[in-house]
């Protein structure tokens, strides 16, 4: 599942960059561009993965971005993306996508 997690992280980074590109189109100021470039690097460096017993937690700058289900558990399948309900637990109402199928659903750089 490491390859799929990396693809998910790459998707999150690309989504952030797409958002930034829309902002870049609004100004040609070099100072603003340098600041956005720095913010992009900080965003990439701020992404991390923590593996727990039931879920894989995706963290972005000390905030939970999303959870990924490690094993089928009745309601959810392996690879399902869940929104964070808190630092330690996902929202268990419905999945937002699945990394194993490459369907990242409604997730964006802001979260699941």
PDB file of N, CA and C in Angstrom:
ATOM      1  N   UNK A   1       0.812  -1.190   0.000  1.00  0.00           N
ATOM      2  CA  UNK A   1       0.000   0.000   0.000  1.00  0.00           C
ATOM      3  C   UNK A   1       0.863   1.264   0.000  1.00  0.00           C
ATOM      4  N   UNK A   2       2.172   1.129   0.115  1.00  0.00           N
ATOM      5  CA  UNK A   2       3.056   2.300   0.139  1.00  0.00           C
ATOM      6  C   UNK A   2       2.972   3.103  -1.152  1.00  0.00           C
ATOM      7  N   UNK A   3       2.902   2.406  -2.277  1.00  0.00           N
ATOM      8  CA  UNK A   3       2.817   3.075  -3.567  1.00  0.00           C
ATOM      9  C   UNK A   3       1.528   3.897  -3.669  1.00  0.00           C
ATOM     10  N   UNK A   4       0.428   3.344  -3.174  1.00  0.00           N
ATOM     11  CA  UNK A   4      -0.861   4.029  -3.234  1.00  0.00           C
ATOM     12  C   UNK A   4      -0.892   5.241  -2.290  1.00  0.00           C
ATOM     13  N   UNK A   5      -0.245   5.096  -1.124  1.00  0.00           N
ATOM     14  CA  UNK A   5      -0.169   6.230  -0.195  1.00  0.00           C
ATOM     15  C   UNK A   5       0.636   7.353  -0.824  1.00  0.00           C
ATOM     16  N   UNK A   6       1.737   7.004  -1.477  1.00  0.00           N
ATOM     17  CA  UNK A   6       2.543   8.031  -2.141  1.00  0.00           C
ATOM     18  C   UNK A   6       1.748   8.704  -3.262  1.00  0.00           C
ATOM     19  N   UNK A   7       0.967   7.934  -4.002  1.00  0.00           N
ATOM     20  CA  UNK A   7       0.120   8.518  -5.053  1.00  0.00           C
ATOM     21  C   UNK A   7      -0.895   9.489  -4.442  1.00  0.00           C
ATOM     22  N   UNK A   8      -1.440   9.141  -3.283  1.00  0.00           N
ATOM     23  CA  UNK A   8      -2.385  10.010  -2.580  1.00  0.00           C
ATOM     24  C   UNK A   8      -1.694  11.304  -2.141  1.00  0.00           C
ATOM     25  N   UNK A   9      -0.495  11.194  -1.574  1.00  0.00           N
ATOM     26  CA  UNK A   9       0.262  12.378  -1.171  1.00  0.00           C
ATOM     27  C   UNK A   9       0.572  13.253  -2.384  1.00  0.00           C
ATOM     28  N   UNK A  10       0.959  12.622  -3.493  1.00  0.00           N
ATOM     29  CA  UNK A  10       1.240  13.364  -4.729  1.00  0.00           C
ATOM     30  C   UNK A  10      -0.008  14.098  -5.214  1.00  0.00           C
ATOM     31  N   UNK A  11      -1.167  13.447  -5.085  1.00  0.00           N
ATOM     32  CA  UNK A  11      -2.435  14.081  -5.467  1.00  0.00           C
ATOM     33  C   UNK A  11      -2.707  15.313  -4.601  1.00  0.00           C
ATOM     34  N   UNK A  12      -2.492  15.192  -3.296  1.00  0.00           N
ATOM     35  CA  UNK A  12      -2.717  16.311  -2.377  1.00  0.00           C
ATOM     36  C   UNK A  12      -1.794  17.477  -2.736  1.00  0.00           C
ATOM     37  N   UNK A  13      -0.529  17.171  -3.001  1.00  0.00           N
ATOM     38  CA  UNK A  13       0.449  18.203  -3.371  1.00  0.00           C
ATOM     39  C   UNK A  13       0.057  18.862  -4.690  1.00  0.00           C
ATOM     40  N   UNK A  14      -0.334  18.070  -5.677  1.00  0.00           N
ATOM     41  CA  UNK A  14      -0.739  18.616  -6.973  1.00  0.00           C
ATOM     42  C   UNK A  14      -1.985  19.487  -6.841  1.00  0.00           C
ATOM     43  N   UNK A  15      -2.910  19.090  -5.968  1.00  0.00           N
ATOM     44  CA  UNK A  15      -4.116  19.869  -5.753  1.00  0.00           C
ATOM     45  C   UNK A  15      -3.786  21.220  -5.124  1.00  0.00           C
ATOM     46  N   UNK A  16      -2.847  21.220  -4.182  1.00  0.00           N
ATOM     47  CA  UNK A  16      -2.393  22.472  -3.578  1.00  0.00           C
ATOM     48  C   UNK A  16      -1.737  23.361  -4.627  1.00  0.00           C
ATOM     49  N   UNK A  17      -0.888  22.764  -5.461  1.00  0.00           N
ATOM     50  CA  UNK A  17      -0.203  23.528  -6.497  1.00  0.00           C
ATOM     51  C   UNK A  17      -1.197  24.107  -7.516  1.00  0.00           C
ATOM     52  N   UNK A  18      -2.224  23.343  -7.847  1.00  0.00           N
ATOM     53  CA  UNK A  18      -3.264  23.836  -8.756  1.00  0.00           C
ATOM     54  C   UNK A  18      -3.960  25.056  -8.147  1.00  0.00           C
ATOM     55  N   UNK A  19      -4.265  24.979  -6.862  1.00  0.00           N
ATOM     56  CA  UNK A  19      -4.881  26.117  -6.180  1.00  0.00           C
ATOM     57  C   UNK A  19      -3.949  27.320  -6.211  1.00  0.00           C
ATOM     58  N   UNK A  20      -2.660  27.069  -5.964  1.00  0.00           N
ATOM     59  CA  UNK A  20      -1.692  28.164  -5.985  1.00  0.00           C
ATOM     60  C   UNK A  20      -1.567  28.778  -7.374  1.00  0.00           C
ATOM     61  N   UNK A  21      -1.627  27.957  -8.411  1.00  0.00           N
ATOM     62  CA  UNK A  21      -1.516  28.466  -9.775  1.00  0.00           C
ATOM     63  C   UNK A  21      -2.662  29.419 -10.100  1.00  0.00           C
ATOM     64  N   UNK A  22      -3.840  29.133  -9.566  1.00  0.00           N
ATOM     65  CA  UNK A  22      -4.960  30.055  -9.767  1.00  0.00           C
ATOM     66  C   UNK A  22      -4.649  31.392  -9.093  1.00  0.00           C
ATOM     67  N   UNK A  23      -4.030  31.332  -7.923  1.00  0.00           N
ATOM     68  CA  UNK A  23      -3.651  32.565  -7.227  1.00  0.00           C
ATOM     69  C   UNK A  23      -2.541  33.292  -7.978  1.00  0.00           C
ATOM     70  N   UNK A  24      -1.597  32.551  -8.550  1.00  0.00           N
ATOM     71  CA  UNK A  24      -0.491  33.150  -9.308  1.00  0.00           C
ATOM     72  C   UNK A  24      -0.995  33.914 -10.514  1.00  0.00           C
ATOM     73  N   UNK A  25      -2.073  33.427 -11.125  1.00  0.00           N
ATOM     74  CA  UNK A  25      -2.616  34.083 -12.312  1.00  0.00           C
ATOM     75  C   UNK A  25      -3.164  35.469 -11.987  1.00  0.00           C
ATOM     76  N   UNK A  26      -3.446  35.714 -10.713  1.00  0.00           N
ATOM     77  CA  UNK A  26      -4.043  36.994 -10.314  1.00  0.00           C
ATOM     78  C   UNK A  26      -3.002  38.096 -10.126  1.00  0.00           C
ATOM     79  N   UNK A  27      -1.735  37.739 -10.004  1.00  0.00           N
ATOM     80  CA  UNK A  27      -0.701  38.750  -9.781  1.00  0.00           C
ATOM     81  C   UNK A  27       0.611  38.299 -10.416  1.00  0.00           C
ATOM     82  N   UNK A  28       1.380  39.272 -10.839  1.00  0.00           N
ATOM     83  CA  UNK A  28       2.700  38.960 -11.396  1.00  0.00           C
ATOM     84  C   UNK A  28       3.800  39.500 -10.482  1.00  0.00           C
ATOM     85  N   UNK A  29       3.442  39.897  -9.296  1.00  0.00           N
ATOM     86  CA  UNK A  29       4.375  40.440  -8.320  1.00  0.00           C
ATOM     87  C   UNK A  29       5.411  39.383  -7.940  1.00  0.00           C
ATOM     88  N   UNK A  30       6.686  39.699  -8.105  1.00  0.00           N
ATOM     89  CA  UNK A  30       7.768  38.746  -7.824  1.00  0.00           C
ATOM     90  C   UNK A  30       7.862  38.401  -6.343  1.00  0.00           C
ATOM     91  N   UNK A  31       7.613  39.348  -5.473  1.00  0.00           N
ATOM     92  CA  UNK A  31       7.660  39.077  -4.032  1.00  0.00           C
ATOM     93  C   UNK A  31       6.570  38.078  -3.664  1.00  0.00           C
ATOM     94  N   UNK A  32       5.366  38.293  -4.193  1.00  0.00           N
ATOM     95  CA  UNK A  32       4.261  37.365  -3.921  1.00  0.00           C
ATOM     96  C   UNK A  32       4.582  35.980  -4.459  1.00  0.00           C
ATOM     97  N   UNK A  33       5.217  35.914  -5.626  1.00  0.00           N
ATOM     98  CA  UNK A  33       5.580  34.613  -6.210  1.00  0.00           C
ATOM     99  C   UNK A  33       6.585  33.885  -5.328  1.00  0.00           C
ATOM    100  N   UNK A  34       7.578  34.591  -4.816  1.00  0.00           N
ATOM    101  CA  UNK A  34       8.572  33.963  -3.933  1.00  0.00           C
ATOM    102  C   UNK A  34       7.908  33.449  -2.650  1.00  0.00           C
ATOM    103  N   UNK A  35       6.974  34.225  -2.127  1.00  0.00           N
ATOM    104  CA  UNK A  35       6.264  33.799  -0.919  1.00  0.00           C
ATOM    105  C   UNK A  35       5.447  32.543  -1.204  1.00  0.00           C
ATOM    106  N   UNK A  36       4.752  32.514  -2.350  1.00  0.00           N
ATOM    107  CA  UNK A  36       3.967  31.330  -2.700  1.00  0.00           C
ATOM    108  C   UNK A  36       4.858  30.113  -2.909  1.00  0.00           C
ATOM    109  N   UNK A  37       6.029  30.313  -3.524  1.00  0.00           N
ATOM    110  CA  UNK A  37       6.976  29.203  -3.703  1.00  0.00           C
ATOM    111  C   UNK A  37       7.427  28.664  -2.353  1.00  0.00           C
ATOM    112  N   UNK A  38       7.695  29.565  -1.422  1.00  0.00           N
ATOM    113  CA  UNK A  38       8.097  29.146  -0.078  1.00  0.00           C
ATOM    114  C   UNK A  38       6.954  28.399   0.612  1.00  0.00           C
ATOM    115  N   UNK A  39       5.730  28.904   0.456  1.00  0.00           N
ATOM    116  CA  UNK A  39       4.568  28.241   1.054  1.00  0.00           C
ATOM    117  C   UNK A  39       4.379  26.844   0.466  1.00  0.00           C
ATOM    118  N   UNK A  40       4.620  26.695  -0.834  1.00  0.00           N
ATOM    119  CA  UNK A  40       4.489  25.392  -1.480  1.00  0.00           C
ATOM    120  C   UNK A  40       5.493  24.401  -0.894  1.00  0.00           C
ATOM    121  N   UNK A  41       6.727  24.831  -0.725  1.00  0.00           N
ATOM    122  CA  UNK A  41       7.748  23.954  -0.142  1.00  0.00           C
ATOM    123  C   UNK A  41       7.394  23.584   1.299  1.00  0.00           C
ATOM    124  N   UNK A  42       6.907  24.535   2.060  1.00  0.00           N
ATOM    125  CA  UNK A  42       6.500  24.256   3.440  1.00  0.00           C
ATOM    126  C   UNK A  42       5.320  23.281   3.474  1.00  0.00           C
ATOM    127  N   UNK A  43       4.401  23.433   2.532  1.00  0.00           N
ATOM    128  CA  UNK A  43       3.265  22.513   2.463  1.00  0.00           C
ATOM    129  C   UNK A  43       3.758  21.087   2.195  1.00  0.00           C
ATOM    130  N   UNK A  44       4.634  20.933   1.203  1.00  0.00           N
ATOM    131  CA  UNK A  44       5.169  19.598   0.875  1.00  0.00           C
ATOM    132  C   UNK A  44       5.922  18.997   2.056  1.00  0.00           C
ATOM    133  N   UNK A  45       6.748  19.797   2.701  1.00  0.00           N
ATOM    134  CA  UNK A  45       7.541  19.307   3.821  1.00  0.00           C
ATOM    135  C   UNK A  45       6.671  18.991   5.039  1.00  0.00           C
ATOM    136  N   UNK A  46       5.508  19.623   5.138  1.00  0.00           N
ATOM    137  CA  UNK A  46       4.616  19.423   6.273  1.00  0.00           C
ATOM    138  C   UNK A  46       3.774  18.164   6.200  1.00  0.00           C
ATOM    139  N   UNK A  47       3.764  17.481   5.047  1.00  0.00           N
ATOM    140  CA  UNK A  47       2.988  16.247   4.920  1.00  0.00           C
ATOM    141  C   UNK A  47       3.752  15.083   5.553  1.00  0.00           C
ATOM    142  N   UNK A  48       3.060  14.320   6.378  1.00  0.00           N
ATOM    143  CA  UNK A  48       3.676  13.122   6.961  1.00  0.00           C
ATOM    144  C   UNK A  48       2.635  12.028   7.139  1.00  0.00           C
ATOM    145  N   UNK A  49       3.136  10.832   7.303  1.00  0.00           N
ATOM    146  CA  UNK A  49       2.284   9.644   7.436  1.00  0.00           C
ATOM    147  C   UNK A  49       2.603   8.980   8.765  1.00  0.00           C
ATOM    148  N   UNK A  50       1.554   8.704   9.557  1.00  0.00           N
ATOM    149  CA  UNK A  50       1.715   7.960  10.816  1.00  0.00           C
ATOM    150  C   UNK A  50       0.825   6.731  10.755  1.00  0.00           C
ATOM    151  N   UNK A  51       1.424   5.586  11.015  1.00  0.00           N
ATOM    152  CA  UNK A  51       0.677   4.336  10.965  1.00  0.00           C
ATOM    153  C   UNK A  51       0.237   3.911  12.352  1.00  0.00           C
ATOM    154  N   UNK A  52      -1.063   3.680  12.504  1.00  0.00           N
ATOM    155  CA  UNK A  52      -1.619   3.178  13.745  1.00  0.00           C
ATOM    156  C   UNK A  52      -2.066   1.737  13.560  1.00  0.00           C
ATOM    157  N   UNK A  53      -2.779   1.208  14.524  1.00  0.00           N
ATOM    158  CA  UNK A  53      -3.204  -0.187  14.440  1.00  0.00           C
ATOM    159  C   UNK A  53      -4.358  -0.392  13.461  1.00  0.00           C
ATOM    160  N   UNK A  54      -5.274   0.589  13.347  1.00  0.00           N
ATOM    161  CA  UNK A  54      -6.431   0.452  12.461  1.00  0.00           C
ATOM    162  C   UNK A  54      -6.389   1.382  11.255  1.00  0.00           C
ATOM    163  N   UNK A  55      -5.706   2.526  11.420  1.00  0.00           N
ATOM    164  CA  UNK A  55      -5.721   3.551  10.390  1.00  0.00           C
ATOM    165  C   UNK A  55      -4.321   4.090  10.132  1.00  0.00           C
ATOM    166  N   UNK A  56      -4.153   4.632   8.950  1.00  0.00           N
ATOM    167  CA  UNK A  56      -2.967   5.394   8.606  1.00  0.00           C
ATOM    168  C   UNK A  56      -3.407   6.856   8.617  1.00  0.00           C
ATOM    169  N   UNK A  57      -2.706   7.654   9.401  1.00  0.00           N
ATOM    170  CA  UNK A  57      -3.066   9.057   9.559  1.00  0.00           C
ATOM    171  C   UNK A  57      -2.189   9.904   8.640  1.00  0.00           C
ATOM    172  N   UNK A  58      -2.831  10.751   7.834  1.00  0.00           N
ATOM    173  CA  UNK A  58      -2.113  11.700   6.994  1.00  0.00           C
ATOM    174  C   UNK A  58      -2.158  13.039   7.716  1.00  0.00           C
ATOM    175  N   UNK A  59      -0.980  13.581   7.986  1.00  0.00           N
ATOM    176  CA  UNK A  59      -0.857  14.822   8.744  1.00  0.00           C
ATOM    177  C   UNK A  59      -0.275  15.896   7.837  1.00  0.00           C
ATOM    178  N   UNK A  60      -0.819  17.096   7.973  1.00  0.00           N
ATOM    179  CA  UNK A  60      -0.297  18.240   7.227  1.00  0.00           C
ATOM    180  C   UNK A  60      -0.079  19.374   8.217  1.00  0.00           C
ATOM    181  N   UNK A  61       1.192  19.701   8.450  1.00  0.00           N
ATOM    182  CA  UNK A  61       1.557  20.778   9.383  1.00  0.00           C
ATOM    183  C   UNK A  61       0.848  20.667  10.726  1.00  0.00           C
ATOM    184  N   UNK A  62       1.004  19.548  11.372  1.00  0.00           N
ATOM    185  CA  UNK A  62       0.490  19.276  12.717  1.00  0.00           C
ATOM    186  C   UNK A  62      -1.034  19.241  12.809  1.00  0.00           C
ATOM    187  N   UNK A  63      -1.716  19.074  11.678  1.00  0.00           N
ATOM    188  CA  UNK A  63      -3.167  18.883  11.661  1.00  0.00           C
ATOM    189  C   UNK A  63      -3.473  17.608  10.884  1.00  0.00           C
ATOM    190  N   UNK A  64      -4.517  16.908  11.275  1.00  0.00           N
ATOM    191  CA  UNK A  64      -4.880  15.681  10.567  1.00  0.00           C
ATOM    192  C   UNK A  64      -5.588  16.047   9.266  1.00  0.00           C
ATOM    193  N   UNK A  65      -5.048  15.568   8.178  1.00  0.00           N
ATOM    194  CA  UNK A  65      -5.650  15.786   6.862  1.00  0.00           C
ATOM    195  C   UNK A  65      -6.728  14.741   6.612  1.00  0.00           C
ATOM    196  N   UNK A  66      -6.401  13.464   6.866  1.00  0.00           N
ATOM    197  CA  UNK A  66      -7.342  12.366   6.620  1.00  0.00           C
ATOM    198  C   UNK A  66      -6.808  11.084   7.245  1.00  0.00           C
ATOM    199  N   UNK A  67      -7.658  10.074   7.238  1.00  0.00           N
ATOM    200  CA  UNK A  67      -7.290   8.740   7.699  1.00  0.00           C
ATOM    201  C   UNK A  67      -7.507   7.760   6.557  1.00  0.00           C
ATOM    202  N   UNK A  68      -6.697   6.712   6.533  1.00  0.00           N
ATOM    203  CA  UNK A  68      -6.847   5.641   5.556  1.00  0.00           C
ATOM    204  C   UNK A  68      -7.038   4.340   6.322  1.00  0.00           C
ATOM    205  N   UNK A  69      -8.065   3.578   5.947  1.00  0.00           N
ATOM    206  CA  UNK A  69      -8.379   2.313   6.615  1.00  0.00           C
ATOM    207  C   UNK A  69      -7.325   1.272   6.228  1.00  0.00           C
ATOM    208  N   UNK A  70      -6.753   0.590   7.246  1.00  0.00           N
ATOM    209  CA  UNK A  70      -5.718  -0.408   6.988  1.00  0.00           C
ATOM    210  C   UNK A  70      -6.275  -1.782   6.602  1.00  0.00           C
ATOM    211  N   UNK A  71      -7.400  -2.184   7.226  1.00  0.00           N
ATOM    212  CA  UNK A  71      -7.991  -3.508   6.967  1.00  0.00           C
ATOM    213  C   UNK A  71      -9.504  -3.387   6.893  1.00  0.00           C
ATOM    214  N   UNK A  72     -10.114  -4.226   6.062  1.00  0.00           N
ATOM    215  CA  UNK A  72     -11.584  -4.276   6.005  1.00  0.00           C
ATOM    216  C   UNK A  72     -12.119  -4.429   7.430  1.00  0.00           C
ATOM    217  N   UNK A  73     -13.192  -3.708   7.741  1.00  0.00           N
ATOM    218  CA  UNK A  73     -13.737  -3.790   9.100  1.00  0.00           C
ATOM    219  C   UNK A  73     -15.262  -3.846   9.124  1.00  0.00           C
ATOM    220  N   UNK A  74     -15.870  -4.313   8.094  1.00  0.00           N
ATOM    221  CA  UNK A  74     -17.332  -4.392   8.057  1.00  0.00           C
ATOM    222  C   UNK A  74     -17.922  -3.251   7.254  1.00  0.00           C
ATOM    223  N   UNK A  75     -17.816  -2.030   7.777  1.00  0.00           N
ATOM    224  CA  UNK A  75     -18.380  -0.874   7.080  1.00  0.00           C
ATOM    225  C   UNK A  75     -17.434  -0.327   6.017  1.00  0.00           C
ATOM    226  N   UNK A  76     -16.143  -0.384   6.288  1.00  0.00           N
ATOM    227  CA  UNK A  76     -15.155   0.200   5.384  1.00  0.00           C
ATOM    228  C   UNK A  76     -14.204  -0.856   4.848  1.00  0.00           C
ATOM    229  N   UNK A  77     -13.693  -0.593   3.652  1.00  0.00           N
ATOM    230  CA  UNK A  77     -12.742  -1.487   2.988  1.00  0.00           C
ATOM    231  C   UNK A  77     -11.325  -0.937   3.143  1.00  0.00           C
ATOM    232  N   UNK A  78     -10.353  -1.806   2.965  1.00  0.00           N
ATOM    233  CA  UNK A  78      -8.953  -1.405   2.992  1.00  0.00           C
ATOM    234  C   UNK A  78      -8.722  -0.304   1.958  1.00  0.00           C
ATOM    235  N   UNK A  79      -8.060   0.766   2.381  1.00  0.00           N
ATOM    236  CA  UNK A  79      -7.742   1.866   1.477  1.00  0.00           C
ATOM    237  C   UNK A  79      -8.755   2.988   1.460  1.00  0.00           C
ATOM    238  N   UNK A  80      -9.898   2.812   2.127  1.00  0.00           N
ATOM    239  CA  UNK A  80     -10.896   3.878   2.164  1.00  0.00           C
ATOM    240  C   UNK A  80     -10.326   5.113   2.852  1.00  0.00           C
ATOM    241  N   UNK A  81     -10.643   6.283   2.304  1.00  0.00           N
ATOM    242  CA  UNK A  81     -10.216   7.563   2.853  1.00  0.00           C
ATOM    243  C   UNK A  81     -11.344   8.100   3.722  1.00  0.00           C
ATOM    244  N   UNK A  82     -11.002   8.444   4.960  1.00  0.00           N
ATOM    245  CA  UNK A  82     -11.993   8.976   5.895  1.00  0.00           C
ATOM    246  C   UNK A  82     -11.582  10.370   6.354  1.00  0.00           C
ATOM    247  N   UNK A  83     -12.564  11.207   6.562  1.00  0.00           N
ATOM    248  CA  UNK A  83     -12.350  12.540   7.106  1.00  0.00           C
ATOM    249  C   UNK A  83     -11.960  12.429   8.579  1.00  0.00           C
ATOM    250  N   UNK A  84     -11.190  13.368   9.065  1.00  0.00           N
ATOM    251  CA  UNK A  84     -10.821  13.382  10.482  1.00  0.00           C
ATOM    252  C   UNK A  84     -11.950  13.954  11.321  1.00  0.00           C
ATOM    253  N   UNK A  85     -12.297  13.255  12.392  1.00  0.00           N
ATOM    254  CA  UNK A  85     -13.256  13.779  13.374  1.00  0.00           C
ATOM    255  C   UNK A  85     -12.493  14.472  14.501  1.00  0.00           C
ATOM    256  N   UNK A  86     -11.298  13.977  14.773  1.00  0.00           N
ATOM    257  CA  UNK A  86     -10.429  14.563  15.789  1.00  0.00           C
ATOM    258  C   UNK A  86      -8.998  14.158  15.450  1.00  0.00           C
ATOM    259  N   UNK A  87      -8.075  14.515  16.319  1.00  0.00           N
ATOM    260  CA  UNK A  87      -6.683  14.134  16.102  1.00  0.00           C
ATOM    261  C   UNK A  87      -6.523  12.612  16.080  1.00  0.00           C
ATOM    262  N   UNK A  88      -7.294  11.918  16.896  1.00  0.00           N
ATOM    263  CA  UNK A  88      -7.096  10.484  17.081  1.00  0.00           C
ATOM    264  C   UNK A  88      -8.114   9.599  16.380  1.00  0.00           C
ATOM    265  N   UNK A  89      -9.167  10.169  15.794  1.00  0.00           N
ATOM    266  CA  UNK A  89     -10.227   9.316  15.246  1.00  0.00           C
ATOM    267  C   UNK A  89     -10.818   9.896  13.959  1.00  0.00           C
ATOM    268  N   UNK A  90     -11.184   9.006  13.035  1.00  0.00           N
ATOM    269  CA  UNK A  90     -11.832   9.462  11.805  1.00  0.00           C
ATOM    270  C   UNK A  90     -13.343   9.602  11.989  1.00  0.00           C
ATOM    271  N   UNK A  91     -13.957  10.351  11.090  1.00  0.00           N
ATOM    272  CA  UNK A  91     -15.416  10.394  11.003  1.00  0.00           C
ATOM    273  C   UNK A  91     -15.842   9.100  10.306  1.00  0.00           C
ATOM    274  N   UNK A  92     -16.768   8.391  10.903  1.00  0.00           N
ATOM    275  CA  UNK A  92     -17.140   7.075  10.383  1.00  0.00           C
ATOM    276  C   UNK A  92     -18.496   7.084   9.681  1.00  0.00           C
ATOM    277  N   UNK A  93     -18.911   8.249   9.157  1.00  0.00           N
ATOM    278  CA  UNK A  93     -20.199   8.309   8.489  1.00  0.00           C
ATOM    279  C   UNK A  93     -20.144   7.737   7.064  1.00  0.00           C
ATOM    280  N   UNK A  94     -19.142   8.099   6.273  1.00  0.00           N
ATOM    281  CA  UNK A  94     -18.981   7.525   4.935  1.00  0.00           C
ATOM    282  C   UNK A  94     -17.568   7.779   4.433  1.00  0.00           C
ATOM    283  N   UNK A  95     -17.143   6.977   3.469  1.00  0.00           N
ATOM    284  CA  UNK A  95     -15.799   7.140   2.908  1.00  0.00           C
ATOM    285  C   UNK A  95     -15.784   8.313   1.942  1.00  0.00           C
ATOM    286  N   UNK A  96     -14.594   8.885   1.764  1.00  0.00           N
ATOM    287  CA  UNK A  96     -14.422  10.007   0.832  1.00  0.00           C
ATOM    288  C   UNK A  96     -13.747   9.568  -0.456  1.00  0.00           C
ATOM    289  N   UNK A  97     -13.266   8.347  -0.511  1.00  0.00           N
ATOM    290  CA  UNK A  97     -12.564   7.805  -1.665  1.00  0.00           C
ATOM    291  C   UNK A  97     -11.843   6.546  -1.245  1.00  0.00           C
ATOM    292  N   UNK A  98     -10.993   6.017  -2.135  1.00  0.00           N
ATOM    293  CA  UNK A  98     -10.209   4.825  -1.812  1.00  0.00           C
ATOM    294  C   UNK A  98      -8.885   4.893  -2.557  1.00  0.00           C
ATOM    295  N   UNK A  99      -7.788   4.812  -1.824  1.00  0.00           N
ATOM    296  CA  UNK A  99      -6.475   4.956  -2.456  1.00  0.00           C
ATOM    297  C   UNK A  99      -6.113   3.746  -3.305  1.00  0.00           C
ATOM    298  N   UNK A 100      -6.662   2.571  -2.995  1.00  0.00           N
ATOM    299  CA  UNK A 100      -6.312   1.372  -3.760  1.00  0.00           C
ATOM    300  C   UNK A 100      -6.923   1.391  -5.159  1.00  0.00           C
ATOM    301  N   UNK A 101      -8.045   2.071  -5.308  1.00  0.00           N
ATOM    302  CA  UNK A 101      -8.682   2.182  -6.624  1.00  0.00           C
ATOM    303  C   UNK A 101      -8.252   3.451  -7.354  1.00  0.00           C
ATOM    304  N   UNK A 102      -7.511   4.322  -6.672  1.00  0.00           N
ATOM    305  CA  UNK A 102      -7.090   5.584  -7.274  1.00  0.00           C
ATOM    306  C   UNK A 102      -8.197   6.624  -7.308  1.00  0.00           C
ATOM    307  N   UNK A 103      -9.286   6.356  -6.596  1.00  0.00           N
ATOM    308  CA  UNK A 103     -10.416   7.279  -6.521  1.00  0.00           C
ATOM    309  C   UNK A 103     -10.262   8.111  -5.261  1.00  0.00           C
ATOM    310  N   UNK A 104      -9.803   9.355  -5.410  1.00  0.00           N
ATOM    311  CA  UNK A 104      -9.590  10.200  -4.254  1.00  0.00           C
ATOM    312  C   UNK A 104     -10.836  11.022  -3.922  1.00  0.00           C
ATOM    313  N   UNK A 105     -11.909  10.770  -4.652  1.00  0.00           N
ATOM    314  CA  UNK A 105     -13.213  11.321  -4.343  1.00  0.00           C
ATOM    315  C   UNK A 105     -13.220  12.810  -4.123  1.00  0.00           C
ATOM    316  N   UNK A 106     -13.729  13.225  -2.995  1.00  0.00           N
ATOM    317  CA  UNK A 106     -13.905  14.655  -2.693  1.00  0.00           C
ATOM    318  C   UNK A 106     -12.713  15.234  -1.933  1.00  0.00           C
ATOM    319  N   UNK A 107     -11.626  14.508  -1.826  1.00  0.00           N
ATOM    320  CA  UNK A 107     -10.483  15.029  -1.070  1.00  0.00           C
ATOM    321  C   UNK A 107      -9.784  16.137  -1.861  1.00  0.00           C
ATOM    322  N   UNK A 108      -9.201  17.051  -1.127  1.00  0.00           N
ATOM    323  CA  UNK A 108      -8.414  18.132  -1.727  1.00  0.00           C
ATOM    324  C   UNK A 108      -7.252  18.419  -0.768  1.00  0.00           C
ATOM    325  N   UNK A 109      -6.499  19.444  -1.073  1.00  0.00           N
ATOM    326  CA  UNK A 109      -5.359  19.760  -0.206  1.00  0.00           C
ATOM    327  C   UNK A 109      -5.811  20.202   1.179  1.00  0.00           C
ATOM    328  N   UNK A 110      -7.071  20.626   1.303  1.00  0.00           N
ATOM    329  CA  UNK A 110      -7.569  21.076   2.598  1.00  0.00           C
ATOM    330  C   UNK A 110      -8.036  19.939   3.493  1.00  0.00           C
ATOM    331  N   UNK A 111      -8.234  18.759   2.936  1.00  0.00           N
ATOM    332  CA  UNK A 111      -8.671  17.608   3.736  1.00  0.00           C
ATOM    333  C   UNK A 111      -9.656  16.740   2.992  1.00  0.00           C
ATOM    334  N   UNK A 112     -10.130  15.729   3.720  1.00  0.00           N
ATOM    335  CA  UNK A 112     -11.057  14.784   3.105  1.00  0.00           C
ATOM    336  C   UNK A 112     -12.488  15.253   3.229  1.00  0.00           C
TER     337      UNK A 112
END
